[in-house]
Every structure is written in C-alpha cells, then in structure tokens.
Amino acid sequence: MVRAQVVDDQPRLPLDYFQQTVPVPDAWRSVPCAYLQFSAAYDGEAARARRVGWPVQVLRGEHLHQVVDPDGVADALVRIAADLA
C-alpha cells in the first residue's frame, strides 16, 4: 500500500529528463562514496562504482525498495557507512 502511494505521487517526466547528465564538482571526487544496489537493472552502475573503488552492497529488491523494506535498507546503509569509516 505504501509503495503504491509513493508510485502514484511520482510526477510523469519526459524521457529527455532521464537522459541528462548532472555536472559533478571536482571536489566531490575526494569524498568517500559507496553504492547500494537493489536490482540487477543497476548492474552497470554497481560495476562502475566498484571500478572507482567504492564499496558496493547488494540488497536484492525492487526499484523503490526503501519503501518496501525500510529496515533492511537502513541496515544496509549502516553497513555501508561502517565500510566508509
């Protein structure tokens, strides 16, 4: 029910919105980062994160898994934060 409510609240955006890139300030490259992957749809992003040395946690789920399993996602984020410490 919560997931359906979140999905219903999402704006409908044109495809070109998702094809845009966001410039990343150079200073951000020195900030510790990690990647939490929910589904195989993001294998490419997870591989890219590994290539640049980020810790990657995999929590198999759905696109909006933080809504479906907030406790599991919170636990995974805590583990990621520990990896970065």
PDB file of N, CA and C in Angstrom:
ATOM      1  N   MET A   1       0.812  -1.186   0.000  1.00  0.00           N
ATOM      2  CA  MET A   1       0.000   0.000   0.000  1.00  0.00           C
ATOM      3  C   MET A   1       0.863   1.260   0.000  1.00  0.00           C
ATOM      4  N   VAL A   2       1.895   1.322   0.835  1.00  0.00           N
ATOM      5  CA  VAL A   2       2.768   2.491   0.871  1.00  0.00           C
ATOM      6  C   VAL A   2       3.483   2.651  -0.466  1.00  0.00           C
ATOM      7  N   ARG A   3       3.953   1.539  -1.032  1.00  0.00           N
ATOM      8  CA  ARG A   3       4.652   1.611  -2.320  1.00  0.00           C
ATOM      9  C   ARG A   3       3.731   2.175  -3.397  1.00  0.00           C
ATOM     10  N   ALA A   4       2.506   1.725  -3.444  1.00  0.00           N
ATOM     11  CA  ALA A   4       1.548   2.220  -4.438  1.00  0.00           C
ATOM     12  C   ALA A   4       1.318   3.712  -4.258  1.00  0.00           C
ATOM     13  N   GLN A   5       1.254   4.159  -3.029  1.00  0.00           N
ATOM     14  CA  GLN A   5       1.061   5.582  -2.760  1.00  0.00           C
ATOM     15  C   GLN A   5       2.261   6.397  -3.251  1.00  0.00           C
ATOM     16  N   VAL A   6       3.472   5.900  -3.004  1.00  0.00           N
ATOM     17  CA  VAL A   6       4.678   6.588  -3.474  1.00  0.00           C
ATOM     18  C   VAL A   6       4.696   6.629  -4.997  1.00  0.00           C
ATOM     19  N   VAL A   7       4.404   5.511  -5.637  1.00  0.00           N
ATOM     20  CA  VAL A   7       4.381   5.454  -7.100  1.00  0.00           C
ATOM     21  C   VAL A   7       3.341   6.424  -7.652  1.00  0.00           C
ATOM     22  N   ASP A   8       2.174   6.456  -7.061  1.00  0.00           N
ATOM     23  CA  ASP A   8       1.116   7.360  -7.523  1.00  0.00           C
ATOM     24  C   ASP A   8       1.510   8.831  -7.391  1.00  0.00           C
ATOM     25  N   ASP A   9       2.351   9.148  -6.408  1.00  0.00           N
ATOM     26  CA  ASP A   9       2.772  10.534  -6.177  1.00  0.00           C
ATOM     27  C   ASP A   9       3.905  10.982  -7.103  1.00  0.00           C
ATOM     28  N   GLN A  10       4.490  10.054  -7.856  1.00  0.00           N
ATOM     29  CA  GLN A  10       5.613  10.395  -8.723  1.00  0.00           C
ATOM     30  C   GLN A  10       5.137  11.211  -9.930  1.00  0.00           C
ATOM     31  N   PRO A  11       5.855  12.289 -10.249  1.00  0.00           N
ATOM     32  CA  PRO A  11       5.475  13.053 -11.444  1.00  0.00           C
ATOM     33  C   PRO A  11       5.817  12.264 -12.704  1.00  0.00           C
ATOM     34  N   ARG A  12       5.096  12.493 -13.752  1.00  0.00           N
ATOM     35  CA  ARG A  12       5.383  11.885 -15.050  1.00  0.00           C
ATOM     36  C   ARG A  12       6.344  12.817 -15.774  1.00  0.00           C
ATOM     37  N   LEU A  13       7.520  12.335 -16.094  1.00  0.00           N
ATOM     38  CA  LEU A  13       8.563  13.157 -16.697  1.00  0.00           C
ATOM     39  C   LEU A  13       8.873  12.678 -18.103  1.00  0.00           C
ATOM     40  N   PRO A  14       9.261  13.593 -18.983  1.00  0.00           N
ATOM     41  CA  PRO A  14       9.626  13.191 -20.344  1.00  0.00           C
ATOM     42  C   PRO A  14      10.944  12.420 -20.344  1.00  0.00           C
ATOM     43  N   LEU A  15      11.143  11.577 -21.353  1.00  0.00           N
ATOM     44  CA  LEU A  15      12.336  10.738 -21.449  1.00  0.00           C
ATOM     45  C   LEU A  15      13.617  11.562 -21.401  1.00  0.00           C
ATOM     46  N   ASP A  16      13.652  12.727 -22.044  1.00  0.00           N
ATOM     47  CA  ASP A  16      14.895  13.502 -22.072  1.00  0.00           C
ATOM     48  C   ASP A  16      15.335  13.946 -20.676  1.00  0.00           C
ATOM     49  N   TYR A  17      14.428  13.996 -19.723  1.00  0.00           N
ATOM     50  CA  TYR A  17      14.798  14.299 -18.346  1.00  0.00           C
ATOM     51  C   TYR A  17      15.795  13.261 -17.820  1.00  0.00           C
ATOM     52  N   PHE A  18      15.567  12.009 -18.150  1.00  0.00           N
ATOM     53  CA  PHE A  18      16.400  10.917 -17.655  1.00  0.00           C
ATOM     54  C   PHE A  18      17.688  10.745 -18.459  1.00  0.00           C
ATOM     55  N   GLN A  19      17.791  11.396 -19.579  1.00  0.00           N
ATOM     56  CA  GLN A  19      18.974  11.287 -20.423  1.00  0.00           C
ATOM     57  C   GLN A  19      19.977  12.404 -20.154  1.00  0.00           C
ATOM     58  N   GLN A  20      19.636  13.327 -19.297  1.00  0.00           N
ATOM     59  CA  GLN A  20      20.521  14.435 -18.960  1.00  0.00           C
ATOM     60  C   GLN A  20      21.617  13.964 -18.006  1.00  0.00           C
ATOM     61  N   THR A  21      22.745  14.632 -18.057  1.00  0.00           N
ATOM     62  CA  THR A  21      23.811  14.367 -17.088  1.00  0.00           C
ATOM     63  C   THR A  21      23.939  15.579 -16.171  1.00  0.00           C
ATOM     64  N   VAL A  22      24.333  15.310 -14.967  1.00  0.00           N
ATOM     65  CA  VAL A  22      24.500  16.369 -13.976  1.00  0.00           C
ATOM     66  C   VAL A  22      25.996  16.571 -13.770  1.00  0.00           C
ATOM     67  N   PRO A  23      26.491  17.794 -13.931  1.00  0.00           N
ATOM     68  CA  PRO A  23      27.919  18.024 -13.711  1.00  0.00           C
ATOM     69  C   PRO A  23      28.284  17.795 -12.243  1.00  0.00           C
ATOM     70  N   VAL A  24      29.402  17.139 -12.029  1.00  0.00           N
ATOM     71  CA  VAL A  24      29.864  16.836 -10.676  1.00  0.00           C
ATOM     72  C   VAL A  24      31.085  17.700 -10.375  1.00  0.00           C
ATOM     73  N   PRO A  25      31.033  18.487  -9.304  1.00  0.00           N
ATOM     74  CA  PRO A  25      32.198  19.310  -8.946  1.00  0.00           C
ATOM     75  C   PRO A  25      33.423  18.441  -8.697  1.00  0.00           C
ATOM     76  N   ASP A  26      34.593  18.901  -9.111  1.00  0.00           N
ATOM     77  CA  ASP A  26      35.830  18.137  -8.930  1.00  0.00           C
ATOM     78  C   ASP A  26      36.080  17.775  -7.468  1.00  0.00           C
ATOM     79  N   ALA A  27      35.724  18.656  -6.545  1.00  0.00           N
ATOM     80  CA  ALA A  27      35.970  18.396  -5.120  1.00  0.00           C
ATOM     81  C   ALA A  27      35.210  17.171  -4.624  1.00  0.00           C
ATOM     82  N   TRP A  28      34.118  16.820  -5.285  1.00  0.00           N
ATOM     83  CA  TRP A  28      33.344  15.661  -4.857  1.00  0.00           C
ATOM     84  C   TRP A  28      34.084  14.356  -5.079  1.00  0.00           C
ATOM     85  N   ARG A  29      35.068  14.353  -5.957  1.00  0.00           N
ATOM     86  CA  ARG A  29      35.803  13.120  -6.239  1.00  0.00           C
ATOM     87  C   ARG A  29      36.613  12.636  -5.031  1.00  0.00           C
ATOM     88  N   SER A  30      36.885  13.533  -4.089  1.00  0.00           N
ATOM     89  CA  SER A  30      37.654  13.150  -2.909  1.00  0.00           C
ATOM     90  C   SER A  30      36.770  12.775  -1.722  1.00  0.00           C
ATOM     91  N   VAL A  31      35.466  12.826  -1.883  1.00  0.00           N
ATOM     92  CA  VAL A  31      34.526  12.486  -0.812  1.00  0.00           C
ATOM     93  C   VAL A  31      34.271  10.980  -0.840  1.00  0.00           C
ATOM     94  N   PRO A  32      34.364  10.301   0.308  1.00  0.00           N
ATOM     95  CA  PRO A  32      34.090   8.862   0.325  1.00  0.00           C
ATOM     96  C   PRO A  32      32.666   8.571  -0.161  1.00  0.00           C
ATOM     97  N   CYS A  33      32.541   7.588  -1.014  1.00  0.00           N
ATOM     98  CA  CYS A  33      31.244   7.216  -1.578  1.00  0.00           C
ATOM     99  C   CYS A  33      31.081   5.706  -1.545  1.00  0.00           C
ATOM    100  N   ALA A  34      29.847   5.274  -1.652  1.00  0.00           N
ATOM    101  CA  ALA A  34      29.521   3.856  -1.726  1.00  0.00           C
ATOM    102  C   ALA A  34      28.263   3.718  -2.570  1.00  0.00           C
ATOM    103  N   TYR A  35      27.920   2.482  -2.908  1.00  0.00           N
ATOM    104  CA  TYR A  35      26.756   2.235  -3.758  1.00  0.00           C
ATOM    105  C   TYR A  35      25.926   1.111  -3.169  1.00  0.00           C
ATOM    106  N   LEU A  36      24.626   1.353  -3.047  1.00  0.00           N
ATOM    107  CA  LEU A  36      23.685   0.333  -2.581  1.00  0.00           C
ATOM    108  C   LEU A  36      22.819  -0.053  -3.767  1.00  0.00           C
ATOM    109  N   GLN A  37      22.930  -1.298  -4.189  1.00  0.00           N
ATOM    110  CA  GLN A  37      22.222  -1.793  -5.374  1.00  0.00           C
ATOM    111  C   GLN A  37      21.012  -2.613  -4.959  1.00  0.00           C
ATOM    112  N   PHE A  38      19.870  -2.297  -5.563  1.00  0.00           N
ATOM    113  CA  PHE A  38      18.634  -3.027  -5.254  1.00  0.00           C
ATOM    114  C   PHE A  38      18.313  -4.110  -6.270  1.00  0.00           C
ATOM    115  N   SER A  39      18.650  -3.914  -7.531  1.00  0.00           N
ATOM    116  CA  SER A  39      18.245  -4.907  -8.525  1.00  0.00           C
ATOM    117  C   SER A  39      19.291  -5.054  -9.621  1.00  0.00           C
ATOM    118  N   ALA A  40      19.153  -6.121 -10.386  1.00  0.00           N
ATOM    119  CA  ALA A  40      20.080  -6.397 -11.484  1.00  0.00           C
ATOM    120  C   ALA A  40      20.024  -5.314 -12.554  1.00  0.00           C
ATOM    121  N   ALA A  41      18.953  -4.539 -12.576  1.00  0.00           N
ATOM    122  CA  ALA A  41      18.856  -3.439 -13.536  1.00  0.00           C
ATOM    123  C   ALA A  41      19.985  -2.431 -13.353  1.00  0.00           C
ATOM    124  N   TYR A  42      20.598  -2.432 -12.178  1.00  0.00           N
ATOM    125  CA  TYR A  42      21.669  -1.485 -11.866  1.00  0.00           C
ATOM    126  C   TYR A  42      23.046  -2.146 -11.810  1.00  0.00           C
ATOM    127  N   ASP A  43      23.195  -3.286 -12.476  1.00  0.00           N
ATOM    128  CA  ASP A  43      24.496  -3.967 -12.517  1.00  0.00           C
ATOM    129  C   ASP A  43      25.583  -3.059 -13.093  1.00  0.00           C
ATOM    130  N   GLY A  44      25.253  -2.309 -14.116  1.00  0.00           N
ATOM    131  CA  GLY A  44      26.235  -1.412 -14.741  1.00  0.00           C
ATOM    132  C   GLY A  44      26.716  -0.344 -13.786  1.00  0.00           C
ATOM    133  N   GLU A  45      25.802   0.265 -13.061  1.00  0.00           N
ATOM    134  CA  GLU A  45      26.172   1.296 -12.093  1.00  0.00           C
ATOM    135  C   GLU A  45      27.012   0.707 -10.959  1.00  0.00           C
ATOM    136  N   ALA A  46      26.641  -0.491 -10.509  1.00  0.00           N
ATOM    137  CA  ALA A  46      27.410  -1.143  -9.443  1.00  0.00           C
ATOM    138  C   ALA A  46      28.819  -1.477  -9.926  1.00  0.00           C
ATOM    139  N   ALA A  47      28.939  -1.941 -11.160  1.00  0.00           N
ATOM    140  CA  ALA A  47      30.260  -2.246 -11.720  1.00  0.00           C
ATOM    141  C   ALA A  47      31.109  -0.976 -11.817  1.00  0.00           C
ATOM    142  N   ARG A  48      30.490   0.106 -12.236  1.00  0.00           N
ATOM    143  CA  ARG A  48      31.208   1.390 -12.327  1.00  0.00           C
ATOM    144  C   ARG A  48      31.672   1.827 -10.938  1.00  0.00           C
ATOM    145  N   ALA A  49      30.825   1.668  -9.932  1.00  0.00           N
ATOM    146  CA  ALA A  49      31.198   2.029  -8.562  1.00  0.00           C
ATOM    147  C   ALA A  49      32.384   1.196  -8.095  1.00  0.00           C
ATOM    148  N   ARG A  50      32.361  -0.103  -8.380  1.00  0.00           N
ATOM    149  CA  ARG A  50      33.484  -0.972  -7.997  1.00  0.00           C
ATOM    150  C   ARG A  50      34.778  -0.534  -8.692  1.00  0.00           C
ATOM    151  N   ARG A  51      34.676  -0.175  -9.975  1.00  0.00           N
ATOM    152  CA  ARG A  51      35.873   0.237 -10.729  1.00  0.00           C
ATOM    153  C   ARG A  51      36.545   1.465 -10.118  1.00  0.00           C
ATOM    154  N   VAL A  52      35.763   2.367  -9.548  1.00  0.00           N
ATOM    155  CA  VAL A  52      36.362   3.554  -8.947  1.00  0.00           C
ATOM    156  C   VAL A  52      36.671   3.356  -7.467  1.00  0.00           C
ATOM    157  N   GLY A  53      36.493   2.120  -6.985  1.00  0.00           N
ATOM    158  CA  GLY A  53      36.903   1.790  -5.625  1.00  0.00           C
ATOM    159  C   GLY A  53      35.858   2.004  -4.544  1.00  0.00           C
ATOM    160  N   TRP A  54      34.618   2.219  -4.927  1.00  0.00           N
ATOM    161  CA  TRP A  54      33.577   2.385  -3.923  1.00  0.00           C
ATOM    162  C   TRP A  54      33.150   1.026  -3.378  1.00  0.00           C
ATOM    163  N   PRO A  55      32.875   0.927  -2.081  1.00  0.00           N
ATOM    164  CA  PRO A  55      32.261  -0.292  -1.569  1.00  0.00           C
ATOM    165  C   PRO A  55      30.842  -0.412  -2.134  1.00  0.00           C
ATOM    166  N   VAL A  56      30.459  -1.626  -2.497  1.00  0.00           N
ATOM    167  CA  VAL A  56      29.124  -1.869  -3.056  1.00  0.00           C
ATOM    168  C   VAL A  56      28.421  -2.901  -2.183  1.00  0.00           C
ATOM    169  N   GLN A  57      27.240  -2.567  -1.720  1.00  0.00           N
ATOM    170  CA  GLN A  57      26.378  -3.500  -1.007  1.00  0.00           C
ATOM    171  C   GLN A  57      25.224  -3.843  -1.937  1.00  0.00           C
ATOM    172  N   VAL A  58      24.844  -5.103  -1.983  1.00  0.00           N
ATOM    173  CA  VAL A  58      23.726  -5.534  -2.817  1.00  0.00           C
ATOM    174  C   VAL A  58      22.604  -6.009  -1.906  1.00  0.00           C
ATOM    175  N   LEU A  59      21.461  -5.409  -2.089  1.00  0.00           N
ATOM    176  CA  LEU A  59      20.262  -5.777  -1.347  1.00  0.00           C
ATOM    177  C   LEU A  59      19.194  -6.033  -2.398  1.00  0.00           C
ATOM    178  N   ARG A  60      19.035  -7.299  -2.776  1.00  0.00           N
ATOM    179  CA  ARG A  60      18.115  -7.629  -3.869  1.00  0.00           C
ATOM    180  C   ARG A  60      16.690  -7.220  -3.513  1.00  0.00           C
ATOM    181  N   GLY A  61      16.133  -6.423  -4.370  1.00  0.00           N
ATOM    182  CA  GLY A  61      14.776  -5.953  -4.139  1.00  0.00           C
ATOM    183  C   GLY A  61      14.241  -5.268  -5.372  1.00  0.00           C
ATOM    184  N   GLU A  62      13.439  -4.261  -5.153  1.00  0.00           N
ATOM    185  CA  GLU A  62      12.785  -3.541  -6.219  1.00  0.00           C
ATOM    186  C   GLU A  62      13.341  -2.132  -6.326  1.00  0.00           C
ATOM    187  N   HIS A  63      12.894  -1.422  -7.354  1.00  0.00           N
ATOM    188  CA  HIS A  63      13.357  -0.058  -7.599  1.00  0.00           C
ATOM    189  C   HIS A  63      13.133   0.839  -6.380  1.00  0.00           C
ATOM    190  N   LEU A  64      11.985   0.759  -5.775  1.00  0.00           N
ATOM    191  CA  LEU A  64      11.678   1.570  -4.592  1.00  0.00           C
ATOM    192  C   LEU A  64      11.784   0.727  -3.324  1.00  0.00           C
ATOM    193  N   HIS A  65      12.840  -0.029  -3.235  1.00  0.00           N
ATOM    194  CA  HIS A  65      12.974  -0.986  -2.127  1.00  0.00           C
ATOM    195  C   HIS A  65      13.019  -0.301  -0.767  1.00  0.00           C
ATOM    196  N   GLN A  66      13.455   0.949  -0.725  1.00  0.00           N
ATOM    197  CA  GLN A  66      13.473   1.679   0.542  1.00  0.00           C
ATOM    198  C   GLN A  66      12.062   1.855   1.098  1.00  0.00           C
ATOM    199  N   VAL A  67      11.060   1.775   0.237  1.00  0.00           N
ATOM    200  CA  VAL A  67       9.669   1.850   0.679  1.00  0.00           C
ATOM    201  C   VAL A  67       9.165   0.468   1.087  1.00  0.00           C
ATOM    202  N   VAL A  68       9.601  -0.552   0.362  1.00  0.00           N
ATOM    203  CA  VAL A  68       9.157  -1.925   0.614  1.00  0.00           C
ATOM    204  C   VAL A  68       9.792  -2.493   1.882  1.00  0.00           C
ATOM    205  N   ASP A  69      11.074  -2.203   2.089  1.00  0.00           N
ATOM    206  CA  ASP A  69      11.827  -2.769   3.209  1.00  0.00           C
ATOM    207  C   ASP A  69      12.697  -1.697   3.862  1.00  0.00           C
ATOM    208  N   PRO A  70      12.084  -0.702   4.513  1.00  0.00           N
ATOM    209  CA  PRO A  70      12.885   0.385   5.081  1.00  0.00           C
ATOM    210  C   PRO A  70      13.902  -0.080   6.124  1.00  0.00           C
ATOM    211  N   ASP A  71      13.563  -1.092   6.916  1.00  0.00           N
ATOM    212  CA  ASP A  71      14.513  -1.578   7.927  1.00  0.00           C
ATOM    213  C   ASP A  71      15.722  -2.236   7.274  1.00  0.00           C
ATOM    214  N   GLY A  72      15.482  -3.063   6.260  1.00  0.00           N
ATOM    215  CA  GLY A  72      16.592  -3.702   5.551  1.00  0.00           C
ATOM    216  C   GLY A  72      17.486  -2.698   4.865  1.00  0.00           C
ATOM    217  N   VAL A  73      16.894  -1.677   4.270  1.00  0.00           N
ATOM    218  CA  VAL A  73      17.677  -0.629   3.606  1.00  0.00           C
ATOM    219  C   VAL A  73      18.474   0.158   4.641  1.00  0.00           C
ATOM    220  N   ALA A  74      17.854   0.486   5.755  1.00  0.00           N
ATOM    221  CA  ALA A  74      18.576   1.213   6.812  1.00  0.00           C
ATOM    222  C   ALA A  74      19.762   0.397   7.317  1.00  0.00           C
ATOM    223  N   ASP A  75      19.562  -0.901   7.519  1.00  0.00           N
ATOM    224  CA  ASP A  75      20.665  -1.770   7.963  1.00  0.00           C
ATOM    225  C   ASP A  75      21.799  -1.775   6.933  1.00  0.00           C
ATOM    226  N   ALA A  76      21.450  -1.852   5.654  1.00  0.00           N
ATOM    227  CA  ALA A  76      22.463  -1.849   4.596  1.00  0.00           C
ATOM    228  C   ALA A  76      23.219  -0.528   4.581  1.00  0.00           C
ATOM    229  N   LEU A  77      22.520   0.579   4.783  1.00  0.00           N
ATOM    230  CA  LEU A  77      23.188   1.887   4.806  1.00  0.00           C
ATOM    231  C   LEU A  77      24.131   2.008   5.998  1.00  0.00           C
ATOM    232  N   VAL A  78      23.748   1.428   7.123  1.00  0.00           N
ATOM    233  CA  VAL A  78      24.632   1.422   8.292  1.00  0.00           C
ATOM    234  C   VAL A  78      25.904   0.632   7.985  1.00  0.00           C
ATOM    235  N   ARG A  79      25.756  -0.527   7.313  1.00  0.00           N
ATOM    236  CA  ARG A  79      26.936  -1.322   6.929  1.00  0.00           C
ATOM    237  C   ARG A  79      27.822  -0.535   5.968  1.00  0.00           C
ATOM    238  N   ILE A  80      27.211   0.161   5.022  1.00  0.00           N
ATOM    239  CA  ILE A  80      27.990   0.958   4.060  1.00  0.00           C
ATOM    240  C   ILE A  80      28.750   2.064   4.807  1.00  0.00           C
ATOM    241  N   ALA A  81      28.072   2.735   5.732  1.00  0.00           N
ATOM    242  CA  ALA A  81      28.738   3.788   6.492  1.00  0.00           C
ATOM    243  C   ALA A  81      29.926   3.241   7.269  1.00  0.00           C
ATOM    244  N   ALA A  82      29.782   2.031   7.816  1.00  0.00           N
ATOM    245  CA  ALA A  82      30.894   1.395   8.523  1.00  0.00           C
ATOM    246  C   ALA A  82      32.042   1.101   7.575  1.00  0.00           C
ATOM    247  N   ASP A  83      31.731   0.678   6.333  1.00  0.00           N
ATOM    248  CA  ASP A  83      32.780   0.434   5.340  1.00  0.00           C
ATOM    249  C   ASP A  83      33.542   1.712   5.021  1.00  0.00           C
ATOM    250  N   LEU A  84      32.853   2.838   5.046  1.00  0.00           N
ATOM    251  CA  LEU A  84      33.498   4.111   4.695  1.00  0.00           C
ATOM    252  C   LEU A  84      34.298   4.691   5.858  1.00  0.00           C
ATOM    253  N   ALA A  85      33.985   4.254   7.078  1.00  0.00           N
ATOM    254  CA  ALA A  85      34.656   4.822   8.255  1.00  0.00           C
ATOM    255  C   ALA A  85      36.099   4.382   8.361  1.00  0.00           C
TER     256      ALA A  85
END
